[in-house]
Amino acid sequence: MQALAVSTGSPVIALSGQIDLATAGTVGAALEPWLRAGGPLTLDLSGVTFMDSTGLHVVVKAAKSLTGRGCLIIHGVHGPVRNLLQLTKVEEALENMHFIECCVLVAA
């Protein structure tokens, strides 16, 4: 029988509000240490109400920086943010970016 191993090393970064030109630098800086470490990184975007192309660039850049060292899991996208990500088809363009929808967190 094999023993169970539990790891708590994979972070979940919860963002809320707007990710745009005014906040993209702050988001990028907050992600930087986790991106350097590699491995799976989960972004909980259930609290994000708006994202423009600048915010999209931060997310794409994060996924690209993990190429070969991990993946970016996007959790809880909804509304205009989901529309932006669907229209741009970033999930199809990047093999290491994955989306998990969750209406429970959106309603909370």
C-alpha atoms as a PDB file:
ATOM      1  CA  MET A   1       0.000   0.000   0.000  1.00  0.00           C
ATOM      2  CA  GLN A   2       1.317   3.432  -0.945  1.00  0.00           C
ATOM      3  CA  ALA A   3       1.209   6.310   1.549  1.00  0.00           C
ATOM      4  CA  LEU A   4      -0.681   9.484   0.829  1.00  0.00           C
ATOM      5  CA  ALA A   5       1.384  12.619   0.234  1.00  0.00           C
ATOM      6  CA  VAL A   6      -0.145  16.051   0.761  1.00  0.00           C
ATOM      7  CA  SER A   7       1.503  19.207  -0.522  1.00  0.00           C
ATOM      8  CA  THR A   8       0.365  22.755   0.209  1.00  0.00           C
ATOM      9  CA  GLY A   9       2.934  24.403  -2.032  1.00  0.00           C
ATOM     10  CA  SER A  10       0.687  25.392  -4.954  1.00  0.00           C
ATOM     11  CA  PRO A  11      -0.549  28.937  -4.361  1.00  0.00           C
ATOM     12  CA  VAL A  12      -3.944  30.378  -5.179  1.00  0.00           C
ATOM     13  CA  ILE A  13      -3.760  34.080  -5.952  1.00  0.00           C
ATOM     14  CA  ALA A  14      -7.189  35.707  -5.589  1.00  0.00           C
ATOM     15  CA  LEU A  15      -7.632  38.964  -7.467  1.00  0.00           C
ATOM     16  CA  SER A  16     -10.582  41.330  -7.272  1.00  0.00           C
ATOM     17  CA  GLY A  17     -11.684  44.568  -8.861  1.00  0.00           C
ATOM     18  CA  GLN A  18     -10.334  45.708 -12.209  1.00  0.00           C
ATOM     19  CA  ILE A  19      -7.205  44.556 -14.002  1.00  0.00           C
ATOM     20  CA  ASP A  20      -6.341  47.354 -16.383  1.00  0.00           C
ATOM     21  CA  LEU A  21      -3.590  49.825 -17.199  1.00  0.00           C
ATOM     22  CA  ALA A  22      -3.728  51.283 -13.686  1.00  0.00           C
ATOM     23  CA  THR A  23      -3.394  47.927 -11.866  1.00  0.00           C
ATOM     24  CA  ALA A  24      -1.569  45.601 -14.282  1.00  0.00           C
ATOM     25  CA  GLY A  25       1.866  46.497 -12.897  1.00  0.00           C
ATOM     26  CA  THR A  26       0.766  45.664  -9.364  1.00  0.00           C
ATOM     27  CA  VAL A  27      -0.685  42.339 -10.478  1.00  0.00           C
ATOM     28  CA  GLY A  28       2.479  41.466 -12.413  1.00  0.00           C
ATOM     29  CA  ALA A  29       4.680  42.320  -9.441  1.00  0.00           C
ATOM     30  CA  ALA A  30       2.522  40.224  -7.101  1.00  0.00           C
ATOM     31  CA  LEU A  31       2.775  37.209  -9.432  1.00  0.00           C
ATOM     32  CA  GLU A  32       6.520  37.498 -10.043  1.00  0.00           C
ATOM     33  CA  PRO A  33       7.816  35.447  -7.058  1.00  0.00           C
ATOM     34  CA  TRP A  34       5.368  32.624  -7.817  1.00  0.00           C
ATOM     35  CA  LEU A  35       6.277  32.648 -11.498  1.00  0.00           C
ATOM     36  CA  ARG A  36       9.982  32.444 -10.673  1.00  0.00           C
ATOM     37  CA  ALA A  37       9.294  29.428  -8.450  1.00  0.00           C
ATOM     38  CA  GLY A  38       7.466  27.576 -11.246  1.00  0.00           C
ATOM     39  CA  GLY A  39       4.920  24.820 -10.815  1.00  0.00           C
ATOM     40  CA  PRO A  40       1.162  25.193 -11.086  1.00  0.00           C
ATOM     41  CA  LEU A  41      -0.193  28.631 -10.213  1.00  0.00           C
ATOM     42  CA  THR A  42      -3.911  29.239  -9.748  1.00  0.00           C
ATOM     43  CA  LEU A  43      -5.405  32.675 -10.356  1.00  0.00           C
ATOM     44  CA  ASP A  44      -8.856  33.047  -8.814  1.00  0.00           C
ATOM     45  CA  LEU A  45     -10.527  35.715 -10.934  1.00  0.00           C
ATOM     46  CA  SER A  46     -14.013  35.271  -9.476  1.00  0.00           C
ATOM     47  CA  GLY A  47     -13.748  38.728  -7.879  1.00  0.00           C
ATOM     48  CA  VAL A  48     -12.505  40.468 -11.038  1.00  0.00           C
ATOM     49  CA  THR A  49     -15.180  42.669 -12.589  1.00  0.00           C
ATOM     50  CA  PHE A  50     -13.222  44.060 -15.557  1.00  0.00           C
ATOM     51  CA  MET A  51     -10.098  43.234 -17.521  1.00  0.00           C
ATOM     52  CA  ASP A  52      -8.745  45.123 -20.516  1.00  0.00           C
ATOM     53  CA  SER A  53      -5.990  44.163 -22.960  1.00  0.00           C
ATOM     54  CA  THR A  54      -3.348  45.253 -20.452  1.00  0.00           C
ATOM     55  CA  GLY A  55      -4.698  42.784 -17.898  1.00  0.00           C
ATOM     56  CA  LEU A  56      -4.911  40.114 -20.569  1.00  0.00           C
ATOM     57  CA  HIS A  57      -1.264  40.751 -21.381  1.00  0.00           C
ATOM     58  CA  VAL A  58      -0.292  40.172 -17.725  1.00  0.00           C
ATOM     59  CA  VAL A  59      -2.117  36.831 -17.690  1.00  0.00           C
ATOM     60  CA  VAL A  60      -0.623  35.690 -21.018  1.00  0.00           C
ATOM     61  CA  LYS A  61       2.863  36.790 -19.957  1.00  0.00           C
ATOM     62  CA  ALA A  62       2.470  34.814 -16.714  1.00  0.00           C
ATOM     63  CA  ALA A  63       1.497  31.654 -18.590  1.00  0.00           C
ATOM     64  CA  LYS A  64       4.333  32.066 -21.072  1.00  0.00           C
ATOM     65  CA  SER A  65       6.866  32.543 -18.285  1.00  0.00           C
ATOM     66  CA  LEU A  66       5.806  29.158 -16.842  1.00  0.00           C
ATOM     67  CA  THR A  67       6.245  27.287 -20.132  1.00  0.00           C
ATOM     68  CA  GLY A  68       8.153  24.093 -19.452  1.00  0.00           C
ATOM     69  CA  ARG A  69       8.076  24.729 -15.682  1.00  0.00           C
ATOM     70  CA  GLY A  70       4.374  24.719 -14.821  1.00  0.00           C
ATOM     71  CA  CYS A  71       0.920  25.854 -15.804  1.00  0.00           C
ATOM     72  CA  LEU A  72      -1.454  28.705 -15.098  1.00  0.00           C
ATOM     73  CA  ILE A  73      -4.910  27.719 -13.885  1.00  0.00           C
ATOM     74  CA  ILE A  74      -7.528  30.430 -14.300  1.00  0.00           C
ATOM     75  CA  HIS A  75     -10.395  29.892 -11.887  1.00  0.00           C
ATOM     76  CA  GLY A  76     -13.817  31.517 -11.576  1.00  0.00           C
ATOM     77  CA  VAL A  77     -13.906  33.747 -14.659  1.00  0.00           C
ATOM     78  CA  HIS A  78     -17.310  35.210 -15.422  1.00  0.00           C
ATOM     79  CA  GLY A  79     -19.036  38.089 -17.140  1.00  0.00           C
ATOM     80  CA  PRO A  80     -16.924  40.526 -19.166  1.00  0.00           C
ATOM     81  CA  VAL A  81     -13.669  38.818 -18.144  1.00  0.00           C
ATOM     82  CA  ARG A  82     -14.906  35.453 -19.438  1.00  0.00           C
ATOM     83  CA  ASN A  83     -16.048  37.141 -22.655  1.00  0.00           C
ATOM     84  CA  LEU A  84     -12.617  38.719 -23.178  1.00  0.00           C
ATOM     85  CA  LEU A  85     -10.811  35.413 -22.612  1.00  0.00           C
ATOM     86  CA  GLN A  86     -13.196  33.541 -24.907  1.00  0.00           C
ATOM     87  CA  LEU A  87     -12.993  36.149 -27.679  1.00  0.00           C
ATOM     88  CA  THR A  88      -9.210  36.164 -27.652  1.00  0.00           C
ATOM     89  CA  LYS A  89      -9.018  32.332 -27.484  1.00  0.00           C
ATOM     90  CA  VAL A  90      -5.988  32.435 -25.200  1.00  0.00           C
ATOM     91  CA  GLU A  91      -6.724  28.976 -23.804  1.00  0.00           C
ATOM     92  CA  GLU A  92      -6.376  27.528 -27.291  1.00  0.00           C
ATOM     93  CA  ALA A  93      -3.178  29.471 -27.964  1.00  0.00           C
ATOM     94  CA  LEU A  94      -1.346  28.478 -24.781  1.00  0.00           C
ATOM     95  CA  GLU A  95      -0.992  24.816 -23.862  1.00  0.00           C
ATOM     96  CA  ASN A  96      -0.159  25.568 -20.228  1.00  0.00           C
ATOM     97  CA  MET A  97      -3.199  27.763 -19.497  1.00  0.00           C
ATOM     98  CA  HIS A  98      -6.313  26.044 -18.171  1.00  0.00           C
ATOM     99  CA  PHE A  99      -9.725  27.428 -17.239  1.00  0.00           C
ATOM    100  CA  ILE A 100     -11.953  26.170 -14.459  1.00  0.00           C
ATOM    101  CA  GLU A 101     -15.397  27.727 -14.251  1.00  0.00           C
ATOM    102  CA  CYS A 102     -16.973  27.990 -10.811  1.00  0.00           C
ATOM    103  CA  CYS A 103     -20.318  29.644 -10.288  1.00  0.00           C
ATOM    104  CA  VAL A 104     -20.147  28.998  -6.528  1.00  0.00           C
ATOM    105  CA  LEU A 105     -17.365  31.532  -5.972  1.00  0.00           C
ATOM    106  CA  VAL A 106     -18.926  34.025  -8.362  1.00  0.00           C
ATOM    107  CA  ALA A 107     -22.134  34.024  -6.325  1.00  0.00           C
ATOM    108  CA  ALA A 108     -20.312  34.330  -2.983  1.00  0.00           C
END
